[in-house]
């Protein structure tokens, strides 16, 4: 299994879907430990427990991880329903994605300074998009319940993006390219319904930030706590925005020597219990996802494609069994990137 083609990914997904779903279901309902980040403006602001302010997304250590893991379990339920505990998944989503819970979540979004921008915002939009585009009565109900929070986050994007003069290129939550890429599906769906503002803002920011990038210094990656490749995430975003010919020209300027850049060598993870070092597991999976997306965006005869596909497999396959049975610093989020890659 050297290239992670579509059939390979489907086989890997069917074998591991139940494993992914089970670890997600445990973690989205695990309230402690919990990392609530809040700039206190006075005494008495912190809640007694996370559920008080995040009744839907209280698990998985932190809010953004819980949101993305909800997306992952919805994605599994939608794509491989016969390979996962579907009734249990639906019961958990029924418990979490109620109108009352989302009303509290929406108020908390305004009050708590802990929502990683744009990472958590984009994953919430991915969750809403997954639900709202699925022809399933439960999904339609969950999407409707989630809509107030989604609209609040769309407004936050529209307020922030025009002011964001420069991109954030770090390999963690503040990465601008990954956030824009994950917001794109919902933005395009809104535009199709006659609401083009978010799509226009995302496209404008992407072109302002990245059109003129050349000779990206990818040899300096990875950072010690990266779970995203700034280089590959930027290229993946632009592949979504340029046509094939234009993208290839841009990509040739941006990463002219990608095969010798170090991006094809998997990261070494020395300590799963260290939350920052453990991020590198996610880097290996997100790099694999990006490499496959880029291979699909280039002309079929491009000589870089075989090496991209081989590197994607080398990064991903060893990580897939680490989504469960490892340290909590890995388990509370890594399944998201396995699902992103395989579906």
C-alpha atoms as a PDB file:
ATOM      1  CA  UNK A   1       0.000   0.000   0.000  1.00  0.00           C
ATOM      2  CA  UNK A   2       2.522   2.570  -1.208  1.00  0.00           C
ATOM      3  CA  UNK A   3       0.436   5.371  -2.711  1.00  0.00           C
ATOM      4  CA  UNK A   4      -2.745   5.736  -0.610  1.00  0.00           C
ATOM      5  CA  UNK A   5      -4.990   5.692  -3.651  1.00  0.00           C
ATOM      6  CA  UNK A   6      -8.747   5.968  -3.238  1.00  0.00           C
ATOM      7  CA  UNK A   7      -9.232   2.204  -2.895  1.00  0.00           C
ATOM      8  CA  UNK A   8      -6.391   1.993  -0.364  1.00  0.00           C
ATOM      9  CA  UNK A   9      -7.898   4.765   1.733  1.00  0.00           C
ATOM     10  CA  UNK A  10     -11.325   3.152   1.644  1.00  0.00           C
ATOM     11  CA  UNK A  11      -9.862  -0.159   2.792  1.00  0.00           C
ATOM     12  CA  UNK A  12      -7.997   1.511   5.629  1.00  0.00           C
ATOM     13  CA  UNK A  13     -11.131   3.406   6.628  1.00  0.00           C
ATOM     14  CA  UNK A  14     -13.344   0.330   6.733  1.00  0.00           C
ATOM     15  CA  UNK A  15     -10.832  -1.504   8.903  1.00  0.00           C
ATOM     16  CA  UNK A  16     -10.398   1.360  11.371  1.00  0.00           C
ATOM     17  CA  UNK A  17     -13.701   3.261  11.326  1.00  0.00           C
ATOM     18  CA  UNK A  18     -15.057   1.567  14.439  1.00  0.00           C
ATOM     19  CA  UNK A  19     -11.791   2.261  16.274  1.00  0.00           C
ATOM     20  CA  UNK A  20     -11.980   5.929  15.293  1.00  0.00           C
ATOM     21  CA  UNK A  21     -15.635   6.234  16.270  1.00  0.00           C
ATOM     22  CA  UNK A  22     -15.161   4.617  19.667  1.00  0.00           C
ATOM     23  CA  UNK A  23     -12.278   6.849  20.686  1.00  0.00           C
ATOM     24  CA  UNK A  24     -14.216   9.907  19.529  1.00  0.00           C
ATOM     25  CA  UNK A  25     -17.321   8.907  21.487  1.00  0.00           C
ATOM     26  CA  UNK A  26     -15.282   8.458  24.655  1.00  0.00           C
ATOM     27  CA  UNK A  27     -13.521  11.779  24.313  1.00  0.00           C
ATOM     28  CA  UNK A  28     -16.400  14.068  23.331  1.00  0.00           C
ATOM     29  CA  UNK A  29     -18.065  12.964  26.591  1.00  0.00           C
ATOM     30  CA  UNK A  30     -14.929  13.231  28.750  1.00  0.00           C
ATOM     31  CA  UNK A  31     -15.182  16.522  30.603  1.00  0.00           C
ATOM     32  CA  UNK A  32     -11.887  16.405  32.501  1.00  0.00           C
ATOM     33  CA  UNK A  33      -9.069  17.285  32.210  1.00  0.00           C
ATOM     34  CA  UNK A  34     -10.119  20.496  30.520  1.00  0.00           C
ATOM     35  CA  UNK A  35      -8.189  23.486  29.243  1.00  0.00           C
ATOM     36  CA  UNK A  36     -10.476  26.514  29.433  1.00  0.00           C
ATOM     37  CA  UNK A  37      -8.649  29.619  28.288  1.00  0.00           C
ATOM     38  CA  UNK A  38     -10.258  32.865  29.343  1.00  0.00           C
ATOM     39  CA  UNK A  39      -9.051  36.401  29.929  1.00  0.00           C
ATOM     40  CA  UNK A  40     -10.650  37.244  33.252  1.00  0.00           C
ATOM     41  CA  UNK A  41     -12.042  40.748  33.600  1.00  0.00           C
ATOM     42  CA  UNK A  42     -13.160  40.314  37.185  1.00  0.00           C
ATOM     43  CA  UNK A  43     -13.776  37.790  39.967  1.00  0.00           C
ATOM     44  CA  UNK A  44     -16.267  34.985  39.543  1.00  0.00           C
ATOM     45  CA  UNK A  45     -16.025  34.686  35.767  1.00  0.00           C
ATOM     46  CA  UNK A  46     -14.757  31.135  35.475  1.00  0.00           C
ATOM     47  CA  UNK A  47     -17.385  28.384  35.494  1.00  0.00           C
ATOM     48  CA  UNK A  48     -17.555  25.622  38.065  1.00  0.00           C
ATOM     49  CA  UNK A  49     -17.219  23.095  35.265  1.00  0.00           C
ATOM     50  CA  UNK A  50     -16.828  23.164  31.474  1.00  0.00           C
ATOM     51  CA  UNK A  51     -20.375  21.909  30.836  1.00  0.00           C
ATOM     52  CA  UNK A  52     -21.721  25.103  32.407  1.00  0.00           C
ATOM     53  CA  UNK A  53     -20.488  27.166  29.474  1.00  0.00           C
ATOM     54  CA  UNK A  54     -19.907  24.552  26.771  1.00  0.00           C
ATOM     55  CA  UNK A  55     -22.773  22.050  27.112  1.00  0.00           C
ATOM     56  CA  UNK A  56     -22.250  20.725  23.571  1.00  0.00           C
ATOM     57  CA  UNK A  57     -18.461  20.911  23.175  1.00  0.00           C
ATOM     58  CA  UNK A  58     -17.149  20.320  26.689  1.00  0.00           C
ATOM     59  CA  UNK A  59     -15.001  17.241  25.996  1.00  0.00           C
ATOM     60  CA  UNK A  60     -11.695  16.448  24.308  1.00  0.00           C
ATOM     61  CA  UNK A  61      -9.614  18.698  26.599  1.00  0.00           C
ATOM     62  CA  UNK A  62     -10.450  21.912  24.719  1.00  0.00           C
ATOM     63  CA  UNK A  63     -13.209  23.456  22.645  1.00  0.00           C
ATOM     64  CA  UNK A  64     -11.561  23.291  19.249  1.00  0.00           C
ATOM     65  CA  UNK A  65     -10.657  19.621  19.658  1.00  0.00           C
ATOM     66  CA  UNK A  66     -14.204  18.788  20.681  1.00  0.00           C
ATOM     67  CA  UNK A  67     -15.687  20.608  17.694  1.00  0.00           C
ATOM     68  CA  UNK A  68     -13.378  18.882  15.217  1.00  0.00           C
ATOM     69  CA  UNK A  69     -14.022  15.466  16.789  1.00  0.00           C
ATOM     70  CA  UNK A  70     -17.769  16.046  16.398  1.00  0.00           C
ATOM     71  CA  UNK A  71     -17.113  16.730  12.708  1.00  0.00           C
ATOM     72  CA  UNK A  72     -15.097  13.513  12.464  1.00  0.00           C
ATOM     73  CA  UNK A  73     -17.794  11.326  14.008  1.00  0.00           C
ATOM     74  CA  UNK A  74     -20.471  12.904  11.813  1.00  0.00           C
ATOM     75  CA  UNK A  75     -18.279  12.269   8.795  1.00  0.00           C
ATOM     76  CA  UNK A  76     -17.891   8.612   9.777  1.00  0.00           C
ATOM     77  CA  UNK A  77     -21.616   8.217  10.351  1.00  0.00           C
ATOM     78  CA  UNK A  78     -22.326   9.748   6.957  1.00  0.00           C
ATOM     79  CA  UNK A  79     -19.724   7.892   4.910  1.00  0.00           C
ATOM     80  CA  UNK A  80     -19.433   4.443   6.545  1.00  0.00           C
ATOM     81  CA  UNK A  81     -22.583   4.024   8.674  1.00  0.00           C
ATOM     82  CA  UNK A  82     -22.402   0.235   8.674  1.00  0.00           C
ATOM     83  CA  UNK A  83     -18.856   0.234  10.081  1.00  0.00           C
ATOM     84  CA  UNK A  84     -19.492   2.393  13.152  1.00  0.00           C
ATOM     85  CA  UNK A  85     -21.825   2.238  16.193  1.00  0.00           C
ATOM     86  CA  UNK A  86     -24.426   4.372  14.442  1.00  0.00           C
ATOM     87  CA  UNK A  87     -27.101   4.319  17.159  1.00  0.00           C
ATOM     88  CA  UNK A  88     -24.624   5.420  19.824  1.00  0.00           C
ATOM     89  CA  UNK A  89     -23.297   8.195  17.608  1.00  0.00           C
ATOM     90  CA  UNK A  90     -26.798   9.486  16.933  1.00  0.00           C
ATOM     91  CA  UNK A  91     -27.605   9.374  20.649  1.00  0.00           C
ATOM     92  CA  UNK A  92     -24.525  11.441  21.521  1.00  0.00           C
ATOM     93  CA  UNK A  93     -25.258  13.968  18.795  1.00  0.00           C
ATOM     94  CA  UNK A  94     -28.855  14.175  20.023  1.00  0.00           C
ATOM     95  CA  UNK A  95     -27.552  14.830  23.522  1.00  0.00           C
ATOM     96  CA  UNK A  96     -25.023  17.481  22.493  1.00  0.00           C
ATOM     97  CA  UNK A  97     -26.496  19.329  19.516  1.00  0.00           C
ATOM     98  CA  UNK A  98     -29.726  20.561  21.062  1.00  0.00           C
ATOM     99  CA  UNK A  99     -31.083  24.045  20.478  1.00  0.00           C
ATOM    100  CA  UNK A 100     -30.703  24.882  24.163  1.00  0.00           C
ATOM    101  CA  UNK A 101     -27.086  23.709  24.281  1.00  0.00           C
ATOM    102  CA  UNK A 102     -26.165  25.689  21.183  1.00  0.00           C
ATOM    103  CA  UNK A 103     -27.819  28.807  22.603  1.00  0.00           C
ATOM    104  CA  UNK A 104     -25.451  28.559  25.581  1.00  0.00           C
ATOM    105  CA  UNK A 105     -22.501  27.833  23.273  1.00  0.00           C
ATOM    106  CA  UNK A 106     -23.318  30.926  21.231  1.00  0.00           C
ATOM    107  CA  UNK A 107     -23.373  33.136  24.316  1.00  0.00           C
ATOM    108  CA  UNK A 108     -20.112  31.587  25.484  1.00  0.00           C
ATOM    109  CA  UNK A 109     -18.478  32.279  22.133  1.00  0.00           C
ATOM    110  CA  UNK A 110     -18.879  35.999  22.844  1.00  0.00           C
ATOM    111  CA  UNK A 111     -17.798  35.766  26.479  1.00  0.00           C
ATOM    112  CA  UNK A 112     -14.838  33.389  26.504  1.00  0.00           C
ATOM    113  CA  UNK A 113     -11.488  34.258  25.001  1.00  0.00           C
ATOM    114  CA  UNK A 114     -10.591  30.664  24.119  1.00  0.00           C
ATOM    115  CA  UNK A 115     -11.763  29.977  20.590  1.00  0.00           C
ATOM    116  CA  UNK A 116      -8.646  29.516  18.479  1.00  0.00           C
ATOM    117  CA  UNK A 117      -8.965  31.807  15.492  1.00  0.00           C
ATOM    118  CA  UNK A 118      -9.339  30.733  12.733  1.00  0.00           C
ATOM    119  CA  UNK A 119      -8.875  27.029  13.562  1.00  0.00           C
ATOM    120  CA  UNK A 120     -11.870  26.413  15.808  1.00  0.00           C
ATOM    121  CA  UNK A 121     -14.048  28.717  13.737  1.00  0.00           C
ATOM    122  CA  UNK A 122     -13.278  26.796  10.568  1.00  0.00           C
ATOM    123  CA  UNK A 123     -13.931  23.402  12.159  1.00  0.00           C
ATOM    124  CA  UNK A 124     -17.307  24.592  13.405  1.00  0.00           C
ATOM    125  CA  UNK A 125     -18.112  25.646   9.842  1.00  0.00           C
ATOM    126  CA  UNK A 126     -16.974  22.213   8.632  1.00  0.00           C
ATOM    127  CA  UNK A 127     -19.302  20.561  11.144  1.00  0.00           C
ATOM    128  CA  UNK A 128     -22.262  22.656  10.037  1.00  0.00           C
ATOM    129  CA  UNK A 129     -21.466  22.042   6.377  1.00  0.00           C
ATOM    130  CA  UNK A 130     -21.249  18.274   6.914  1.00  0.00           C
ATOM    131  CA  UNK A 131     -24.641  18.244   8.609  1.00  0.00           C
ATOM    132  CA  UNK A 132     -26.432  20.704   6.335  1.00  0.00           C
ATOM    133  CA  UNK A 133     -25.403  18.943   3.111  1.00  0.00           C
ATOM    134  CA  UNK A 134     -26.439  15.472   4.315  1.00  0.00           C
ATOM    135  CA  UNK A 135     -29.876  14.215   3.294  1.00  0.00           C
ATOM    136  CA  UNK A 136     -30.705  12.780   6.700  1.00  0.00           C
ATOM    137  CA  UNK A 137     -33.530  13.939   9.010  1.00  0.00           C
ATOM    138  CA  UNK A 138     -31.367  13.901  12.138  1.00  0.00           C
ATOM    139  CA  UNK A 139     -28.595  15.794  10.363  1.00  0.00           C
ATOM    140  CA  UNK A 140     -31.027  18.452   9.197  1.00  0.00           C
ATOM    141  CA  UNK A 141     -32.255  18.914  12.773  1.00  0.00           C
ATOM    142  CA  UNK A 142     -28.729  19.072  14.188  1.00  0.00           C
ATOM    143  CA  UNK A 143     -27.710  21.574  11.497  1.00  0.00           C
ATOM    144  CA  UNK A 144     -30.704  23.783  12.274  1.00  0.00           C
ATOM    145  CA  UNK A 145     -29.846  23.712  15.976  1.00  0.00           C
ATOM    146  CA  UNK A 146     -26.211  24.581  15.219  1.00  0.00           C
ATOM    147  CA  UNK A 147     -27.073  27.487  12.911  1.00  0.00           C
ATOM    148  CA  UNK A 148     -27.036  30.314  15.517  1.00  0.00           C
ATOM    149  CA  UNK A 149     -23.462  29.468  16.472  1.00  0.00           C
ATOM    150  CA  UNK A 150     -22.466  29.095  12.822  1.00  0.00           C
ATOM    151  CA  UNK A 151     -23.921  32.494  11.953  1.00  0.00           C
ATOM    152  CA  UNK A 152     -22.125  34.071  14.910  1.00  0.00           C
ATOM    153  CA  UNK A 153     -18.821  32.611  13.736  1.00  0.00           C
ATOM    154  CA  UNK A 154     -19.460  33.710  10.145  1.00  0.00           C
ATOM    155  CA  UNK A 155     -19.923  37.248  11.470  1.00  0.00           C
ATOM    156  CA  UNK A 156     -16.650  36.907  13.375  1.00  0.00           C
ATOM    157  CA  UNK A 157     -14.867  35.854  10.175  1.00  0.00           C
ATOM    158  CA  UNK A 158     -16.354  38.821   8.311  1.00  0.00           C
ATOM    159  CA  UNK A 159     -15.200  41.193  11.030  1.00  0.00           C
ATOM    160  CA  UNK A 160     -11.684  39.773  11.269  1.00  0.00           C
ATOM    161  CA  UNK A 161     -10.564  38.923   7.733  1.00  0.00           C
ATOM    162  CA  UNK A 162     -10.578  42.453   6.256  1.00  0.00           C
ATOM    163  CA  UNK A 163      -8.396  43.595   9.166  1.00  0.00           C
ATOM    164  CA  UNK A 164      -5.937  40.710   8.882  1.00  0.00           C
ATOM    165  CA  UNK A 165      -3.188  42.451   6.937  1.00  0.00           C
ATOM    166  CA  UNK A 166      -0.716  39.597   7.265  1.00  0.00           C
ATOM    167  CA  UNK A 167      -1.139  35.812   7.352  1.00  0.00           C
ATOM    168  CA  UNK A 168      -0.150  33.659  10.294  1.00  0.00           C
ATOM    169  CA  UNK A 169       2.208  30.979   9.006  1.00  0.00           C
ATOM    170  CA  UNK A 170       2.792  28.927  12.140  1.00  0.00           C
ATOM    171  CA  UNK A 171       2.061  25.214  12.111  1.00  0.00           C
ATOM    172  CA  UNK A 172      -0.586  25.359  14.806  1.00  0.00           C
ATOM    173  CA  UNK A 173      -4.095  26.689  15.444  1.00  0.00           C
ATOM    174  CA  UNK A 174      -3.532  30.214  14.182  1.00  0.00           C
ATOM    175  CA  UNK A 175      -2.421  29.102  10.733  1.00  0.00           C
ATOM    176  CA  UNK A 176      -4.307  31.256   8.260  1.00  0.00           C
ATOM    177  CA  UNK A 177      -4.183  28.989   5.219  1.00  0.00           C
ATOM    178  CA  UNK A 178      -5.657  25.938   6.946  1.00  0.00           C
ATOM    179  CA  UNK A 179      -8.408  28.024   8.518  1.00  0.00           C
ATOM    180  CA  UNK A 180      -9.408  29.513   5.177  1.00  0.00           C
ATOM    181  CA  UNK A 181      -9.304  26.126   3.465  1.00  0.00           C
ATOM    182  CA  UNK A 182     -11.593  24.536   6.047  1.00  0.00           C
ATOM    183  CA  UNK A 183     -13.984  27.511   5.920  1.00  0.00           C
ATOM    184  CA  UNK A 184     -14.280  27.303   2.127  1.00  0.00           C
ATOM    185  CA  UNK A 185     -16.932  24.561   1.820  1.00  0.00           C
ATOM    186  CA  UNK A 186     -19.383  26.419   4.048  1.00  0.00           C
ATOM    187  CA  UNK A 187     -18.522  29.728   2.394  1.00  0.00           C
ATOM    188  CA  UNK A 188     -19.244  28.265  -1.042  1.00  0.00           C
ATOM    189  CA  UNK A 189     -22.513  26.779   0.179  1.00  0.00           C
ATOM    190  CA  UNK A 190     -23.564  30.190   1.486  1.00  0.00           C
ATOM    191  CA  UNK A 191     -22.657  31.787  -1.846  1.00  0.00           C
ATOM    192  CA  UNK A 192     -24.757  29.198  -3.667  1.00  0.00           C
ATOM    193  CA  UNK A 193     -27.686  30.346  -1.520  1.00  0.00           C
ATOM    194  CA  UNK A 194     -27.150  33.981  -2.454  1.00  0.00           C
ATOM    195  CA  UNK A 195     -24.968  34.943   0.535  1.00  0.00           C
ATOM    196  CA  UNK A 196     -21.524  35.593  -0.988  1.00  0.00           C
ATOM    197  CA  UNK A 197     -19.921  37.704   1.752  1.00  0.00           C
ATOM    198  CA  UNK A 198     -17.939  34.980   3.503  1.00  0.00           C
ATOM    199  CA  UNK A 199     -16.671  33.446   0.263  1.00  0.00           C
ATOM    200  CA  UNK A 200     -15.586  36.866  -0.986  1.00  0.00           C
ATOM    201  CA  UNK A 201     -13.771  37.560   2.284  1.00  0.00           C
ATOM    202  CA  UNK A 202     -11.991  34.187   2.267  1.00  0.00           C
ATOM    203  CA  UNK A 203     -10.912  34.501  -1.373  1.00  0.00           C
ATOM    204  CA  UNK A 204      -9.746  38.072  -0.895  1.00  0.00           C
ATOM    205  CA  UNK A 205      -7.673  37.179   2.167  1.00  0.00           C
ATOM    206  CA  UNK A 206      -6.102  34.166   0.461  1.00  0.00           C
ATOM    207  CA  UNK A 207      -5.009  36.146  -2.575  1.00  0.00           C
ATOM    208  CA  UNK A 208      -3.763  39.084  -0.492  1.00  0.00           C
ATOM    209  CA  UNK A 209      -1.774  36.801   1.756  1.00  0.00           C
ATOM    210  CA  UNK A 210      -0.350  34.259  -0.647  1.00  0.00           C
ATOM    211  CA  UNK A 211      -0.441  35.153  -4.344  1.00  0.00           C
ATOM    212  CA  UNK A 212       3.072  36.581  -4.405  1.00  0.00           C
ATOM    213  CA  UNK A 213       4.803  33.949  -2.274  1.00  0.00           C
ATOM    214  CA  UNK A 214       7.898  32.412  -3.854  1.00  0.00           C
ATOM    215  CA  UNK A 215      10.720  30.094  -2.737  1.00  0.00           C
ATOM    216  CA  UNK A 216       9.063  29.149   0.541  1.00  0.00           C
ATOM    217  CA  UNK A 217      11.727  28.037   3.071  1.00  0.00           C
ATOM    218  CA  UNK A 218      10.151  24.649   3.771  1.00  0.00           C
ATOM    219  CA  UNK A 219      13.524  23.264   4.868  1.00  0.00           C
ATOM    220  CA  UNK A 220      12.914  24.987   8.215  1.00  0.00           C
ATOM    221  CA  UNK A 221       9.885  22.792   8.922  1.00  0.00           C
ATOM    222  CA  UNK A 222       8.778  21.259  11.163  1.00  0.00           C
ATOM    223  CA  UNK A 223       8.604  23.279  14.330  1.00  0.00           C
ATOM    224  CA  UNK A 224       8.694  21.372  17.573  1.00  0.00           C
ATOM    225  CA  UNK A 225       4.942  21.625  18.188  1.00  0.00           C
ATOM    226  CA  UNK A 226       3.564  21.693  14.638  1.00  0.00           C
ATOM    227  CA  UNK A 227       0.541  19.690  13.635  1.00  0.00           C
ATOM    228  CA  UNK A 228       0.245  21.532  10.314  1.00  0.00           C
ATOM    229  CA  UNK A 229       2.776  22.236   7.597  1.00  0.00           C
ATOM    230  CA  UNK A 230       2.582  25.924   6.801  1.00  0.00           C
ATOM    231  CA  UNK A 231       4.023  25.271   3.354  1.00  0.00           C
ATOM    232  CA  UNK A 232       1.695  22.437   2.390  1.00  0.00           C
ATOM    233  CA  UNK A 233      -1.408  24.031   3.916  1.00  0.00           C
ATOM    234  CA  UNK A 234      -0.818  27.180   1.905  1.00  0.00           C
ATOM    235  CA  UNK A 235      -0.381  25.170  -1.292  1.00  0.00           C
ATOM    236  CA  UNK A 236      -3.504  23.109  -0.555  1.00  0.00           C
ATOM    237  CA  UNK A 237      -5.534  26.292  -0.083  1.00  0.00           C
ATOM    238  CA  UNK A 238      -4.335  27.830  -3.326  1.00  0.00           C
ATOM    239  CA  UNK A 239      -5.084  24.600  -5.203  1.00  0.00           C
ATOM    240  CA  UNK A 240      -8.693  25.208  -4.159  1.00  0.00           C
ATOM    241  CA  UNK A 241      -8.703  28.719  -5.616  1.00  0.00           C
ATOM    242  CA  UNK A 242      -6.595  28.634  -8.798  1.00  0.00           C
ATOM    243  CA  UNK A 243      -7.426  26.775 -11.965  1.00  0.00           C
ATOM    244  CA  UNK A 244      -5.111  23.847 -12.823  1.00  0.00           C
ATOM    245  CA  UNK A 245      -2.709  25.742 -15.100  1.00  0.00           C
ATOM    246  CA  UNK A 246      -2.528  28.793 -12.876  1.00  0.00           C
ATOM    247  CA  UNK A 247      -2.026  26.656  -9.784  1.00  0.00           C
ATOM    248  CA  UNK A 248       0.856  24.718 -11.346  1.00  0.00           C
ATOM    249  CA  UNK A 249       2.637  27.963 -12.241  1.00  0.00           C
ATOM    250  CA  UNK A 250       2.112  29.323  -8.741  1.00  0.00           C
ATOM    251  CA  UNK A 251       3.215  26.051  -7.119  1.00  0.00           C
ATOM    252  CA  UNK A 252       6.400  25.919  -9.213  1.00  0.00           C
ATOM    253  CA  UNK A 253       7.343  29.350  -7.874  1.00  0.00           C
ATOM    254  CA  UNK A 254       6.249  28.650  -4.303  1.00  0.00           C
ATOM    255  CA  UNK A 255       7.966  25.285  -3.734  1.00  0.00           C
ATOM    256  CA  UNK A 256      10.368  24.888  -6.653  1.00  0.00           C
ATOM    257  CA  UNK A 257      12.319  22.075  -4.999  1.00  0.00           C
ATOM    258  CA  UNK A 258       9.667  20.334  -2.913  1.00  0.00           C
ATOM    259  CA  UNK A 259      11.129  16.860  -3.275  1.00  0.00           C
ATOM    260  CA  UNK A 260      14.357  17.989  -1.575  1.00  0.00           C
ATOM    261  CA  UNK A 261      12.767  20.235   1.033  1.00  0.00           C
ATOM    262  CA  UNK A 262      12.355  17.789   3.918  1.00  0.00           C
ATOM    263  CA  UNK A 263       8.567  17.821   3.579  1.00  0.00           C
ATOM    264  CA  UNK A 264       8.639  14.205   2.425  1.00  0.00           C
ATOM    265  CA  UNK A 265      10.329  12.956   5.621  1.00  0.00           C
ATOM    266  CA  UNK A 266       7.923  12.025   8.457  1.00  0.00           C
ATOM    267  CA  UNK A 267       8.327  13.843  11.756  1.00  0.00           C
ATOM    268  CA  UNK A 268       9.736  11.958  14.741  1.00  0.00           C
ATOM    269  CA  UNK A 269       7.564  12.035  17.877  1.00  0.00           C
ATOM    270  CA  UNK A 270       9.664  11.528  20.988  1.00  0.00           C
ATOM    271  CA  UNK A 271       7.026  11.810  23.761  1.00  0.00           C
ATOM    272  CA  UNK A 272       3.302  11.150  23.350  1.00  0.00           C
ATOM    273  CA  UNK A 273       2.570  12.483  26.832  1.00  0.00           C
ATOM    274  CA  UNK A 274       3.908  15.945  26.013  1.00  0.00           C
ATOM    275  CA  UNK A 275       0.958  17.785  24.500  1.00  0.00           C
ATOM    276  CA  UNK A 276       3.117  19.976  22.299  1.00  0.00           C
ATOM    277  CA  UNK A 277       5.471  17.275  21.027  1.00  0.00           C
ATOM    278  CA  UNK A 278       2.472  14.995  20.449  1.00  0.00           C
ATOM    279  CA  UNK A 279       1.217  17.515  17.883  1.00  0.00           C
ATOM    280  CA  UNK A 280       3.751  16.005  15.489  1.00  0.00           C
ATOM    281  CA  UNK A 281       1.519  12.946  15.100  1.00  0.00           C
ATOM    282  CA  UNK A 282      -1.042  15.266  13.587  1.00  0.00           C
ATOM    283  CA  UNK A 283       1.590  16.837  11.383  1.00  0.00           C
ATOM    284  CA  UNK A 284       2.300  13.477   9.799  1.00  0.00           C
ATOM    285  CA  UNK A 285      -1.379  12.916   9.022  1.00  0.00           C
ATOM    286  CA  UNK A 286      -2.079  16.470   7.856  1.00  0.00           C
ATOM    287  CA  UNK A 287       1.001  16.428   5.632  1.00  0.00           C
ATOM    288  CA  UNK A 288      -0.258  13.197   4.066  1.00  0.00           C
ATOM    289  CA  UNK A 289      -3.664  14.789   3.441  1.00  0.00           C
ATOM    290  CA  UNK A 290      -2.077  17.867   1.865  1.00  0.00           C
ATOM    291  CA  UNK A 291       0.267  15.827  -0.317  1.00  0.00           C
ATOM    292  CA  UNK A 292      -2.603  13.765  -1.704  1.00  0.00           C
ATOM    293  CA  UNK A 293      -4.638  16.909  -2.368  1.00  0.00           C
ATOM    294  CA  UNK A 294      -1.705  18.503  -4.168  1.00  0.00           C
ATOM    295  CA  UNK A 295      -1.022  15.367  -6.213  1.00  0.00           C
ATOM    296  CA  UNK A 296      -4.644  15.472  -7.356  1.00  0.00           C
ATOM    297  CA  UNK A 297      -4.390  19.163  -8.275  1.00  0.00           C
ATOM    298  CA  UNK A 298      -1.305  18.831 -10.491  1.00  0.00           C
ATOM    299  CA  UNK A 299      -1.405  17.605 -14.096  1.00  0.00           C
ATOM    300  CA  UNK A 300      -1.539  13.777 -14.162  1.00  0.00           C
ATOM    301  CA  UNK A 301       1.870  13.579 -15.860  1.00  0.00           C
ATOM    302  CA  UNK A 302       3.649  15.766 -13.293  1.00  0.00           C
ATOM    303  CA  UNK A 303       6.842  13.977 -12.278  1.00  0.00           C
ATOM    304  CA  UNK A 304       6.414  14.982  -8.620  1.00  0.00           C
ATOM    305  CA  UNK A 305       3.198  13.035  -8.121  1.00  0.00           C
ATOM    306  CA  UNK A 306       4.644   9.556  -7.445  1.00  0.00           C
ATOM    307  CA  UNK A 307       6.988  10.913  -4.788  1.00  0.00           C
ATOM    308  CA  UNK A 308       4.130  12.871  -3.208  1.00  0.00           C
ATOM    309  CA  UNK A 309       1.953   9.786  -2.979  1.00  0.00           C
ATOM    310  CA  UNK A 310       4.748   7.644  -1.561  1.00  0.00           C
ATOM    311  CA  UNK A 311       5.568  10.304   1.012  1.00  0.00           C
ATOM    312  CA  UNK A 312       1.889  10.571   1.979  1.00  0.00           C
ATOM    313  CA  UNK A 313       1.779   6.843   2.715  1.00  0.00           C
ATOM    314  CA  UNK A 314       5.038   6.950   4.663  1.00  0.00           C
ATOM    315  CA  UNK A 315       3.654   9.751   6.814  1.00  0.00           C
ATOM    316  CA  UNK A 316       0.178   8.360   7.365  1.00  0.00           C
ATOM    317  CA  UNK A 317       0.108   4.600   7.668  1.00  0.00           C
ATOM    318  CA  UNK A 318       2.156   4.322  10.902  1.00  0.00           C
ATOM    319  CA  UNK A 319      -0.051   6.976  12.542  1.00  0.00           C
ATOM    320  CA  UNK A 320      -3.455   5.403  11.926  1.00  0.00           C
ATOM    321  CA  UNK A 321      -3.209   2.912  14.780  1.00  0.00           C
ATOM    322  CA  UNK A 322      -2.121   5.629  17.224  1.00  0.00           C
ATOM    323  CA  UNK A 323      -5.527   7.300  17.373  1.00  0.00           C
ATOM    324  CA  UNK A 324      -6.468   5.106  20.346  1.00  0.00           C
ATOM    325  CA  UNK A 325      -4.584   3.222  23.029  1.00  0.00           C
ATOM    326  CA  UNK A 326      -2.027   6.004  23.346  1.00  0.00           C
ATOM    327  CA  UNK A 327      -1.670   8.975  25.694  1.00  0.00           C
ATOM    328  CA  UNK A 328      -4.638  11.315  26.182  1.00  0.00           C
ATOM    329  CA  UNK A 329      -2.569  14.101  24.635  1.00  0.00           C
ATOM    330  CA  UNK A 330      -2.865  12.131  21.384  1.00  0.00           C
ATOM    331  CA  UNK A 331      -6.248  10.452  21.803  1.00  0.00           C
ATOM    332  CA  UNK A 332      -8.317  13.576  22.391  1.00  0.00           C
ATOM    333  CA  UNK A 333      -7.885  14.833  18.812  1.00  0.00           C
ATOM    334  CA  UNK A 334      -5.788  12.705  16.434  1.00  0.00           C
ATOM    335  CA  UNK A 335      -8.715  10.711  14.994  1.00  0.00           C
ATOM    336  CA  UNK A 336      -9.897  13.915  13.312  1.00  0.00           C
ATOM    337  CA  UNK A 337      -6.906  13.923  10.996  1.00  0.00           C
ATOM    338  CA  UNK A 338      -7.204  10.226  10.265  1.00  0.00           C
ATOM    339  CA  UNK A 339     -10.809  10.780   9.183  1.00  0.00           C
ATOM    340  CA  UNK A 340      -9.856  13.871   7.168  1.00  0.00           C
ATOM    341  CA  UNK A 341      -7.232  11.869   5.311  1.00  0.00           C
ATOM    342  CA  UNK A 342      -9.256   8.714   4.651  1.00  0.00           C
ATOM    343  CA  UNK A 343     -12.588  10.293   3.681  1.00  0.00           C
END
